[in-house]
């Protein structure tokens, strides 16, 4: 088994991980077999659970650490980074 892929992403959208971006994030995580753990302010939650993601209170400008473990971890990391960097499709 390989080591997890760990990346850091900064929330650049206007309102952070509010309901719509959180839902998009969870949907993207659930496309992959890998486990996704999101770390913010010493909280560790599953990226595949909308309630967990919403409890982070992740605001614009904050940095999230994504720990992705599984056979498609690199692909998942790239897709999630792109989603966040593209501001979840928000203007």
N, C-alpha and C. Protein backbone atom coordinates (compact mmCIF):
# COMPACT_ATOMS: atom_id res chain seq x y z
N UNK A 1 0.85 -1.19 0.00
CA UNK A 1 0.00 0.00 0.00
C UNK A 1 0.88 1.24 0.00
N UNK A 2 0.54 2.21 -0.80
CA UNK A 2 1.36 3.42 -0.92
C UNK A 2 0.98 4.46 0.14
N UNK A 3 1.85 5.42 0.28
CA UNK A 3 1.60 6.51 1.23
C UNK A 3 0.46 7.38 0.72
N UNK A 4 -0.26 8.02 1.63
CA UNK A 4 -1.33 8.92 1.19
C UNK A 4 -0.76 10.14 0.46
N UNK A 5 -1.57 10.69 -0.41
CA UNK A 5 -1.23 11.95 -1.08
C UNK A 5 -1.74 13.06 -0.17
N UNK A 6 -0.86 14.01 0.14
CA UNK A 6 -1.24 15.12 1.02
C UNK A 6 -1.02 16.42 0.25
N UNK A 7 -2.09 17.21 0.15
CA UNK A 7 -1.99 18.51 -0.53
C UNK A 7 -2.65 19.57 0.35
N UNK A 8 -2.24 20.80 0.12
CA UNK A 8 -2.85 21.94 0.79
C UNK A 8 -3.53 22.80 -0.26
N UNK A 9 -4.75 23.24 0.05
CA UNK A 9 -5.50 24.10 -0.86
C UNK A 9 -6.01 25.30 -0.08
N UNK A 10 -6.10 26.42 -0.76
CA UNK A 10 -6.63 27.64 -0.13
C UNK A 10 -7.99 27.95 -0.74
N UNK A 11 -8.96 28.24 0.12
CA UNK A 11 -10.30 28.59 -0.35
C UNK A 11 -10.27 30.01 -0.89
N UNK A 12 -10.50 30.15 -2.18
CA UNK A 12 -10.41 31.45 -2.84
C UNK A 12 -11.77 31.99 -3.25
N UNK A 13 -12.81 31.19 -3.02
CA UNK A 13 -14.15 31.67 -3.39
C UNK A 13 -14.66 32.65 -2.34
N UNK A 14 -15.71 33.35 -2.66
CA UNK A 14 -16.19 34.46 -1.84
C UNK A 14 -16.66 34.07 -0.44
N UNK A 15 -17.32 32.92 -0.30
CA UNK A 15 -17.94 32.58 0.98
C UNK A 15 -17.39 31.32 1.65
N UNK A 16 -16.30 30.76 1.13
CA UNK A 16 -15.74 29.57 1.75
C UNK A 16 -16.58 28.34 1.46
N UNK A 17 -16.52 27.37 2.36
CA UNK A 17 -17.24 26.11 2.15
C UNK A 17 -18.66 26.19 2.68
N UNK A 18 -19.46 27.06 2.07
CA UNK A 18 -20.88 27.10 2.40
C UNK A 18 -21.57 25.95 1.69
N UNK A 19 -22.87 25.86 1.74
CA UNK A 19 -23.61 24.67 1.31
C UNK A 19 -23.29 24.21 -0.12
N UNK A 20 -23.34 25.09 -1.09
CA UNK A 20 -23.14 24.67 -2.48
C UNK A 20 -21.73 24.16 -2.73
N UNK A 21 -20.66 24.90 -2.38
CA UNK A 21 -19.32 24.37 -2.59
C UNK A 21 -19.05 23.11 -1.77
N UNK A 22 -19.59 23.03 -0.58
CA UNK A 22 -19.40 21.83 0.24
C UNK A 22 -20.02 20.63 -0.45
N UNK A 23 -21.21 20.82 -1.04
CA UNK A 23 -21.86 19.72 -1.76
C UNK A 23 -21.04 19.30 -2.98
N UNK A 24 -20.50 20.26 -3.71
CA UNK A 24 -19.67 19.95 -4.86
C UNK A 24 -18.40 19.20 -4.44
N UNK A 25 -17.82 19.62 -3.34
CA UNK A 25 -16.61 18.98 -2.81
C UNK A 25 -16.91 17.52 -2.46
N UNK A 26 -18.00 17.29 -1.74
CA UNK A 26 -18.37 15.93 -1.32
C UNK A 26 -18.68 15.06 -2.55
N UNK A 27 -19.38 15.62 -3.52
CA UNK A 27 -19.69 14.87 -4.73
C UNK A 27 -18.40 14.44 -5.44
N UNK A 28 -17.43 15.36 -5.51
CA UNK A 28 -16.16 15.04 -6.15
C UNK A 28 -15.43 13.94 -5.37
N UNK A 29 -15.40 14.06 -4.06
CA UNK A 29 -14.75 13.03 -3.23
C UNK A 29 -15.37 11.66 -3.45
N UNK A 30 -16.68 11.63 -3.59
CA UNK A 30 -17.39 10.36 -3.73
C UNK A 30 -17.25 9.72 -5.10
N UNK A 31 -16.63 10.42 -6.04
CA UNK A 31 -16.33 9.84 -7.36
C UNK A 31 -15.15 8.89 -7.30
N UNK A 32 -14.40 8.95 -6.20
CA UNK A 32 -13.17 8.18 -6.09
C UNK A 32 -13.27 7.13 -4.99
N UNK A 33 -12.54 6.05 -5.18
CA UNK A 33 -12.51 4.98 -4.17
C UNK A 33 -11.69 5.39 -2.95
N UNK A 34 -10.74 6.28 -3.15
CA UNK A 34 -9.84 6.70 -2.06
C UNK A 34 -10.60 7.38 -0.93
N UNK A 35 -10.07 7.23 0.27
CA UNK A 35 -10.59 7.95 1.43
C UNK A 35 -9.99 9.36 1.41
N UNK A 36 -10.82 10.35 1.67
CA UNK A 36 -10.37 11.74 1.70
C UNK A 36 -10.61 12.28 3.11
N UNK A 37 -9.54 12.74 3.74
CA UNK A 37 -9.65 13.37 5.05
C UNK A 37 -9.30 14.84 4.88
N UNK A 38 -10.15 15.71 5.42
CA UNK A 38 -9.93 17.15 5.35
C UNK A 38 -9.54 17.62 6.74
N UNK A 39 -8.43 18.36 6.82
CA UNK A 39 -7.92 18.85 8.10
C UNK A 39 -7.97 20.38 8.09
N UNK A 40 -8.58 20.93 9.15
CA UNK A 40 -8.66 22.39 9.30
C UNK A 40 -8.80 22.70 10.79
N UNK A 41 -7.94 23.58 11.29
CA UNK A 41 -7.97 23.97 12.71
C UNK A 41 -8.01 22.76 13.65
N UNK A 42 -7.14 21.83 13.42
CA UNK A 42 -7.03 20.61 14.24
C UNK A 42 -8.25 19.72 14.19
N UNK A 43 -9.16 19.96 13.27
CA UNK A 43 -10.30 19.07 13.05
C UNK A 43 -9.99 18.19 11.85
N UNK A 44 -10.32 16.92 11.95
CA UNK A 44 -10.13 15.95 10.87
C UNK A 44 -11.50 15.35 10.54
N UNK A 45 -11.94 15.54 9.31
CA UNK A 45 -13.26 15.03 8.93
C UNK A 45 -13.18 14.31 7.59
N UNK A 46 -14.19 13.51 7.32
CA UNK A 46 -14.29 12.82 6.04
C UNK A 46 -14.74 13.79 4.96
N UNK A 47 -14.05 13.75 3.84
CA UNK A 47 -14.44 14.58 2.70
C UNK A 47 -15.68 14.06 2.00
N UNK A 48 -16.11 12.86 2.37
CA UNK A 48 -17.26 12.24 1.72
C UNK A 48 -18.55 12.44 2.50
N UNK A 49 -18.52 13.25 3.55
CA UNK A 49 -19.69 13.46 4.38
C UNK A 49 -20.00 14.95 4.47
N UNK A 50 -21.14 15.36 3.94
CA UNK A 50 -21.50 16.78 3.87
C UNK A 50 -21.59 17.41 5.26
N UNK A 51 -22.13 16.69 6.23
CA UNK A 51 -22.25 17.27 7.57
C UNK A 51 -20.87 17.50 8.18
N UNK A 52 -19.96 16.55 7.97
CA UNK A 52 -18.59 16.72 8.46
C UNK A 52 -17.95 17.96 7.85
N UNK A 53 -18.10 18.11 6.54
CA UNK A 53 -17.49 19.26 5.84
C UNK A 53 -18.07 20.57 6.36
N UNK A 54 -19.37 20.61 6.57
CA UNK A 54 -20.00 21.84 7.05
C UNK A 54 -19.54 22.21 8.46
N UNK A 55 -19.18 21.24 9.29
CA UNK A 55 -18.74 21.53 10.65
C UNK A 55 -17.38 22.21 10.69
N UNK A 56 -16.64 22.17 9.59
CA UNK A 56 -15.31 22.80 9.57
C UNK A 56 -15.38 24.32 9.70
N UNK A 57 -16.47 24.92 9.23
CA UNK A 57 -16.56 26.37 9.27
C UNK A 57 -15.44 27.02 8.45
N UNK A 58 -15.11 26.41 7.33
CA UNK A 58 -13.99 26.87 6.50
C UNK A 58 -14.38 28.14 5.74
N UNK A 59 -13.72 29.23 6.08
CA UNK A 59 -14.02 30.54 5.51
C UNK A 59 -13.07 30.87 4.36
N UNK A 60 -13.41 31.89 3.58
CA UNK A 60 -12.54 32.30 2.48
C UNK A 60 -11.13 32.61 2.99
N UNK A 61 -10.15 32.20 2.21
CA UNK A 61 -8.75 32.48 2.55
C UNK A 61 -8.12 31.44 3.45
N UNK A 62 -8.90 30.53 4.02
CA UNK A 62 -8.30 29.54 4.91
C UNK A 62 -7.67 28.42 4.08
N UNK A 63 -6.74 27.75 4.72
CA UNK A 63 -6.05 26.64 4.07
C UNK A 63 -6.55 25.32 4.63
N UNK A 64 -6.83 24.40 3.73
CA UNK A 64 -7.25 23.05 4.11
C UNK A 64 -6.15 22.08 3.69
N UNK A 65 -5.93 21.09 4.52
CA UNK A 65 -5.03 20.00 4.16
C UNK A 65 -5.88 18.81 3.78
N UNK A 66 -5.62 18.25 2.61
CA UNK A 66 -6.34 17.09 2.14
C UNK A 66 -5.41 15.88 2.18
N UNK A 67 -5.83 14.86 2.89
CA UNK A 67 -5.07 13.61 2.97
C UNK A 67 -5.89 12.56 2.23
N UNK A 68 -5.34 12.06 1.14
CA UNK A 68 -6.09 11.17 0.27
C UNK A 68 -5.35 9.84 0.18
N UNK A 69 -6.04 8.78 0.55
CA UNK A 69 -5.41 7.48 0.65
C UNK A 69 -6.20 6.44 -0.13
N UNK A 70 -5.56 5.84 -1.13
CA UNK A 70 -6.22 4.81 -1.92
C UNK A 70 -5.60 4.70 -3.29
N UNK A 71 -6.14 3.80 -4.08
CA UNK A 71 -5.56 3.50 -5.38
C UNK A 71 -5.65 4.64 -6.37
N UNK A 72 -6.65 5.50 -6.24
CA UNK A 72 -6.80 6.62 -7.17
C UNK A 72 -6.54 7.97 -6.47
N UNK A 73 -5.68 7.94 -5.46
CA UNK A 73 -5.43 9.14 -4.64
C UNK A 73 -4.88 10.31 -5.45
N UNK A 74 -3.94 10.04 -6.35
CA UNK A 74 -3.34 11.15 -7.11
C UNK A 74 -4.38 11.82 -8.00
N UNK A 75 -5.18 11.01 -8.66
CA UNK A 75 -6.23 11.55 -9.52
C UNK A 75 -7.25 12.36 -8.71
N UNK A 76 -7.63 11.84 -7.55
CA UNK A 76 -8.57 12.54 -6.68
C UNK A 76 -7.97 13.86 -6.21
N UNK A 77 -6.70 13.85 -5.84
CA UNK A 77 -6.03 15.07 -5.38
C UNK A 77 -6.04 16.14 -6.46
N UNK A 78 -5.74 15.74 -7.68
CA UNK A 78 -5.71 16.71 -8.79
C UNK A 78 -7.10 17.28 -9.05
N UNK A 79 -8.12 16.44 -9.03
CA UNK A 79 -9.49 16.91 -9.27
C UNK A 79 -9.97 17.84 -8.17
N UNK A 80 -9.69 17.49 -6.92
CA UNK A 80 -10.12 18.33 -5.80
C UNK A 80 -9.38 19.66 -5.80
N UNK A 81 -8.09 19.64 -6.08
CA UNK A 81 -7.32 20.88 -6.14
C UNK A 81 -7.87 21.80 -7.24
N UNK A 82 -8.21 21.22 -8.39
CA UNK A 82 -8.76 22.00 -9.49
C UNK A 82 -10.11 22.60 -9.10
N UNK A 83 -10.95 21.81 -8.45
CA UNK A 83 -12.26 22.30 -8.01
C UNK A 83 -12.10 23.50 -7.08
N UNK A 84 -11.22 23.38 -6.10
CA UNK A 84 -11.02 24.47 -5.13
C UNK A 84 -10.37 25.67 -5.82
N UNK A 85 -9.35 25.43 -6.63
CA UNK A 85 -8.64 26.54 -7.29
C UNK A 85 -9.54 27.28 -8.28
N UNK A 86 -10.53 26.60 -8.82
CA UNK A 86 -11.48 27.24 -9.73
C UNK A 86 -12.66 27.84 -9.00
N UNK A 87 -12.51 28.01 -7.70
CA UNK A 87 -13.51 28.66 -6.84
C UNK A 87 -14.88 27.98 -6.92
N UNK A 88 -14.88 26.66 -7.11
CA UNK A 88 -16.13 25.88 -7.15
C UNK A 88 -17.08 26.39 -8.24
N UNK A 89 -16.53 27.00 -9.27
CA UNK A 89 -17.34 27.50 -10.37
C UNK A 89 -18.06 28.81 -10.08
N UNK A 90 -17.72 29.43 -8.94
CA UNK A 90 -18.33 30.72 -8.58
C UNK A 90 -17.56 31.85 -9.27
N UNK A 91 -18.22 32.95 -9.47
CA UNK A 91 -17.58 34.10 -10.12
C UNK A 91 -16.55 34.76 -9.22
